[in-house]
Amino acid sequence: MKWTVNLTRKAYKKLIKLPQTIQDLADLAISDLEEQGINPQGWDTLKTGVGEYRLRLNYRYRMRYRTLEDQSLEIEIFYAGHRRDAYK
């Protein structure tokens, strides 16, 4: 099955300000999330809360996302940026 991945407005604004190499990694991660779901192979993912996950883009940058409970196959990315700000 195919998952639907949405970015919040805040996550999109942060993502377009990141370096191009990180944006390319984020595009690959989003496509893998669409194909494989909440735990894509080849990515370092960690469950951080109820329905919330963290995906490691590289050693400095993270992407945080959650599954939406009302729709079973939908993922919402709510943070993309440096790791120092990822958990605040």
N, C-alpha and C. Protein backbone atom coordinates (compact mmCIF):
# COMPACT_ATOMS: atom_id res chain seq x y z
N MET A 1 0.83 -1.19 0.00
CA MET A 1 0.00 0.00 0.00
C MET A 1 0.87 1.25 0.00
N LYS A 2 0.33 2.30 -0.50
CA LYS A 2 1.03 3.57 -0.60
C LYS A 2 0.61 4.49 0.54
N TRP A 3 1.59 5.08 1.23
CA TRP A 3 1.34 6.02 2.31
C TRP A 3 1.30 7.43 1.74
N THR A 4 0.58 8.31 2.41
CA THR A 4 0.54 9.72 2.04
C THR A 4 1.37 10.49 3.05
N VAL A 5 2.32 11.28 2.55
CA VAL A 5 3.20 12.06 3.42
C VAL A 5 2.92 13.54 3.19
N ASN A 6 2.62 14.26 4.29
CA ASN A 6 2.35 15.69 4.24
C ASN A 6 3.35 16.41 5.12
N LEU A 7 3.78 17.59 4.71
CA LEU A 7 4.63 18.44 5.52
C LEU A 7 3.79 19.57 6.09
N THR A 8 4.02 19.90 7.35
CA THR A 8 3.36 21.08 7.90
C THR A 8 4.02 22.31 7.28
N ARG A 9 3.37 23.42 7.40
CA ARG A 9 3.92 24.66 6.83
C ARG A 9 5.25 25.02 7.48
N LYS A 10 5.34 24.83 8.78
CA LYS A 10 6.57 25.13 9.52
C LYS A 10 7.73 24.22 9.07
N ALA A 11 7.43 22.94 8.91
CA ALA A 11 8.46 21.99 8.47
C ALA A 11 8.93 22.31 7.05
N TYR A 12 8.00 22.70 6.19
CA TYR A 12 8.37 23.05 4.81
C TYR A 12 9.28 24.27 4.79
N LYS A 13 8.96 25.29 5.59
CA LYS A 13 9.79 26.49 5.63
C LYS A 13 11.19 26.19 6.13
N LYS A 14 11.29 25.33 7.15
CA LYS A 14 12.60 24.96 7.66
C LYS A 14 13.37 24.12 6.63
N LEU A 15 12.67 23.25 5.93
CA LEU A 15 13.31 22.37 4.97
C LEU A 15 13.93 23.13 3.81
N ILE A 16 13.25 24.15 3.31
CA ILE A 16 13.79 24.87 2.15
C ILE A 16 14.96 25.77 2.54
N LYS A 17 15.17 26.00 3.83
CA LYS A 17 16.32 26.78 4.28
C LYS A 17 17.55 25.93 4.55
N LEU A 18 17.41 24.62 4.52
CA LEU A 18 18.53 23.72 4.78
C LEU A 18 19.43 23.62 3.56
N PRO A 19 20.68 23.15 3.73
CA PRO A 19 21.58 22.96 2.58
C PRO A 19 20.99 21.99 1.54
N GLN A 20 21.40 22.15 0.31
CA GLN A 20 20.84 21.36 -0.79
C GLN A 20 21.05 19.86 -0.58
N THR A 21 22.20 19.46 -0.05
CA THR A 21 22.45 18.03 0.17
C THR A 21 21.46 17.44 1.18
N ILE A 22 21.11 18.22 2.19
CA ILE A 22 20.14 17.76 3.19
C ILE A 22 18.74 17.72 2.58
N GLN A 23 18.43 18.68 1.72
CA GLN A 23 17.13 18.67 1.04
C GLN A 23 17.01 17.42 0.16
N ASP A 24 18.09 17.04 -0.51
CA ASP A 24 18.08 15.83 -1.33
C ASP A 24 17.86 14.58 -0.48
N LEU A 25 18.53 14.53 0.68
CA LEU A 25 18.32 13.41 1.59
C LEU A 25 16.88 13.36 2.09
N ALA A 26 16.32 14.52 2.38
CA ALA A 26 14.93 14.59 2.85
C ALA A 26 13.97 14.10 1.76
N ASP A 27 14.24 14.45 0.51
CA ASP A 27 13.41 13.96 -0.60
C ASP A 27 13.45 12.44 -0.69
N LEU A 28 14.66 11.87 -0.54
CA LEU A 28 14.78 10.41 -0.56
C LEU A 28 14.04 9.78 0.62
N ALA A 29 14.15 10.40 1.78
CA ALA A 29 13.47 9.87 2.96
C ALA A 29 11.96 9.94 2.80
N ILE A 30 11.46 11.03 2.25
CA ILE A 30 10.01 11.17 2.03
C ILE A 30 9.52 10.12 1.05
N SER A 31 10.26 9.89 -0.02
CA SER A 31 9.83 8.87 -0.98
C SER A 31 9.86 7.48 -0.36
N ASP A 32 10.86 7.21 0.51
CA ASP A 32 10.89 5.91 1.19
C ASP A 32 9.75 5.78 2.20
N LEU A 33 9.40 6.88 2.86
CA LEU A 33 8.25 6.85 3.78
C LEU A 33 6.96 6.55 3.01
N GLU A 34 6.82 7.12 1.82
CA GLU A 34 5.62 6.86 1.01
C GLU A 34 5.55 5.40 0.59
N GLU A 35 6.68 4.82 0.25
CA GLU A 35 6.70 3.44 -0.24
C GLU A 35 6.62 2.41 0.89
N GLN A 36 7.38 2.64 1.99
CA GLN A 36 7.55 1.60 2.99
C GLN A 36 6.82 1.86 4.30
N GLY A 37 6.34 3.07 4.52
CA GLY A 37 5.61 3.36 5.75
C GLY A 37 6.47 4.00 6.82
N ILE A 38 6.07 3.82 8.08
CA ILE A 38 6.67 4.58 9.17
C ILE A 38 8.09 4.16 9.53
N ASN A 39 8.52 2.99 9.13
CA ASN A 39 9.85 2.52 9.47
C ASN A 39 10.58 2.05 8.20
N PRO A 40 11.05 2.99 7.35
CA PRO A 40 11.67 2.58 6.09
C PRO A 40 13.04 1.95 6.30
N GLN A 41 13.34 0.96 5.49
CA GLN A 41 14.64 0.29 5.57
C GLN A 41 15.74 1.21 5.08
N GLY A 42 16.90 1.12 5.72
CA GLY A 42 18.04 1.92 5.30
C GLY A 42 18.14 3.25 6.01
N TRP A 43 17.17 3.59 6.85
CA TRP A 43 17.17 4.84 7.59
C TRP A 43 17.18 4.53 9.08
N ASP A 44 17.87 5.38 9.84
CA ASP A 44 17.90 5.25 11.28
C ASP A 44 16.66 5.93 11.85
N THR A 45 15.68 5.14 12.25
CA THR A 45 14.44 5.68 12.80
C THR A 45 14.31 5.27 14.26
N LEU A 46 13.59 6.08 15.01
CA LEU A 46 13.38 5.83 16.42
C LEU A 46 12.00 6.32 16.81
N LYS A 47 11.29 5.52 17.57
CA LYS A 47 9.97 5.94 18.07
C LYS A 47 10.20 6.82 19.29
N THR A 48 9.71 8.06 19.24
CA THR A 48 9.97 9.01 20.32
C THR A 48 8.74 9.27 21.20
N GLY A 49 7.61 8.77 20.83
CA GLY A 49 6.40 8.97 21.62
C GLY A 49 5.27 8.17 21.01
N VAL A 50 4.08 8.42 21.49
CA VAL A 50 2.92 7.72 20.97
C VAL A 50 2.62 8.21 19.56
N GLY A 51 2.92 7.38 18.58
CA GLY A 51 2.68 7.74 17.19
C GLY A 51 3.67 8.73 16.61
N GLU A 52 4.76 9.05 17.32
CA GLU A 52 5.76 9.99 16.83
C GLU A 52 7.09 9.27 16.60
N TYR A 53 7.77 9.69 15.55
CA TYR A 53 9.02 9.05 15.15
C TYR A 53 10.05 10.10 14.76
N ARG A 54 11.32 9.69 14.82
CA ARG A 54 12.43 10.53 14.40
C ARG A 54 13.21 9.78 13.32
N LEU A 55 13.56 10.46 12.25
CA LEU A 55 14.36 9.88 11.18
C LEU A 55 15.64 10.68 11.08
N ARG A 56 16.76 9.99 11.09
CA ARG A 56 18.07 10.64 11.04
C ARG A 56 18.50 10.79 9.59
N LEU A 57 18.62 12.05 9.11
CA LEU A 57 19.04 12.31 7.74
C LEU A 57 20.54 12.15 7.59
N ASN A 58 21.29 12.75 8.50
CA ASN A 58 22.73 12.52 8.63
C ASN A 58 23.11 12.77 10.07
N TYR A 59 24.37 12.94 10.38
CA TYR A 59 24.76 13.04 11.79
C TYR A 59 24.29 14.33 12.44
N ARG A 60 23.87 15.33 11.70
CA ARG A 60 23.42 16.58 12.28
C ARG A 60 21.93 16.88 12.10
N TYR A 61 21.31 16.34 11.10
CA TYR A 61 19.94 16.75 10.75
C TYR A 61 18.94 15.62 10.98
N ARG A 62 17.77 16.01 11.47
CA ARG A 62 16.70 15.06 11.78
C ARG A 62 15.39 15.51 11.13
N MET A 63 14.52 14.55 10.98
CA MET A 63 13.17 14.81 10.52
C MET A 63 12.24 14.10 11.50
N ARG A 64 11.26 14.82 12.04
CA ARG A 64 10.32 14.21 12.97
C ARG A 64 8.95 14.15 12.31
N TYR A 65 8.28 13.03 12.54
CA TYR A 65 6.97 12.85 11.91
C TYR A 65 6.07 12.04 12.83
N ARG A 66 4.79 12.06 12.50
CA ARG A 66 3.80 11.31 13.27
C ARG A 66 2.76 10.71 12.33
N THR A 67 2.14 9.66 12.82
CA THR A 67 1.03 9.07 12.06
C THR A 67 -0.25 9.72 12.54
N LEU A 68 -1.13 9.98 11.64
CA LEU A 68 -2.42 10.58 11.99
C LEU A 68 -3.39 9.45 12.28
N GLU A 69 -4.05 9.53 13.42
CA GLU A 69 -4.87 8.42 13.89
C GLU A 69 -6.20 8.28 13.15
N ASP A 70 -6.74 9.38 12.66
CA ASP A 70 -8.04 9.27 11.99
C ASP A 70 -7.91 8.64 10.61
N GLN A 71 -6.76 8.76 9.99
CA GLN A 71 -6.53 8.12 8.70
C GLN A 71 -5.32 7.20 8.86
N SER A 72 -5.48 5.95 8.55
CA SER A 72 -4.47 4.97 8.90
C SER A 72 -3.20 5.04 8.05
N LEU A 73 -3.26 5.51 6.83
CA LEU A 73 -2.08 5.52 5.96
C LEU A 73 -1.60 6.94 5.67
N GLU A 74 -1.54 7.79 6.68
CA GLU A 74 -1.11 9.17 6.48
C GLU A 74 -0.04 9.53 7.50
N ILE A 75 1.05 10.13 7.01
CA ILE A 75 2.17 10.57 7.83
C ILE A 75 2.28 12.08 7.71
N GLU A 76 2.49 12.74 8.84
CA GLU A 76 2.67 14.20 8.86
C GLU A 76 4.06 14.52 9.39
N ILE A 77 4.86 15.19 8.58
CA ILE A 77 6.19 15.61 9.00
C ILE A 77 6.03 16.98 9.64
N PHE A 78 6.41 17.10 10.91
CA PHE A 78 6.22 18.36 11.62
C PHE A 78 7.53 19.06 11.97
N TYR A 79 8.68 18.44 11.69
CA TYR A 79 9.96 19.10 11.95
C TYR A 79 11.01 18.57 10.99
N ALA A 80 11.83 19.46 10.48
CA ALA A 80 13.00 19.10 9.69
C ALA A 80 14.06 20.13 10.00
N GLY A 81 15.19 19.70 10.53
CA GLY A 81 16.23 20.66 10.88
C GLY A 81 17.35 20.04 11.67
N HIS A 82 18.13 20.91 12.32
CA HIS A 82 19.30 20.49 13.07
C HIS A 82 18.87 19.74 14.33
N ARG A 83 19.72 18.82 14.76
CA ARG A 83 19.37 17.96 15.90
C ARG A 83 19.29 18.72 17.22
N ARG A 84 20.00 19.84 17.33
CA ARG A 84 19.97 20.59 18.60
C ARG A 84 18.59 21.15 18.89
N ASP A 85 17.77 21.35 17.84
CA ASP A 85 16.42 21.89 18.01
C ASP A 85 15.33 20.86 17.84
N ALA A 86 15.69 19.64 17.52
CA ALA A 86 14.69 18.64 17.14
C ALA A 86 13.79 18.20 18.29
N TYR A 87 14.27 18.29 19.52
CA TYR A 87 13.51 17.72 20.63
C TYR A 87 12.98 18.77 21.58
N LYS A 88 12.98 20.03 21.19
CA LYS A 88 12.46 21.11 22.04
C LYS A 88 10.97 21.27 21.87
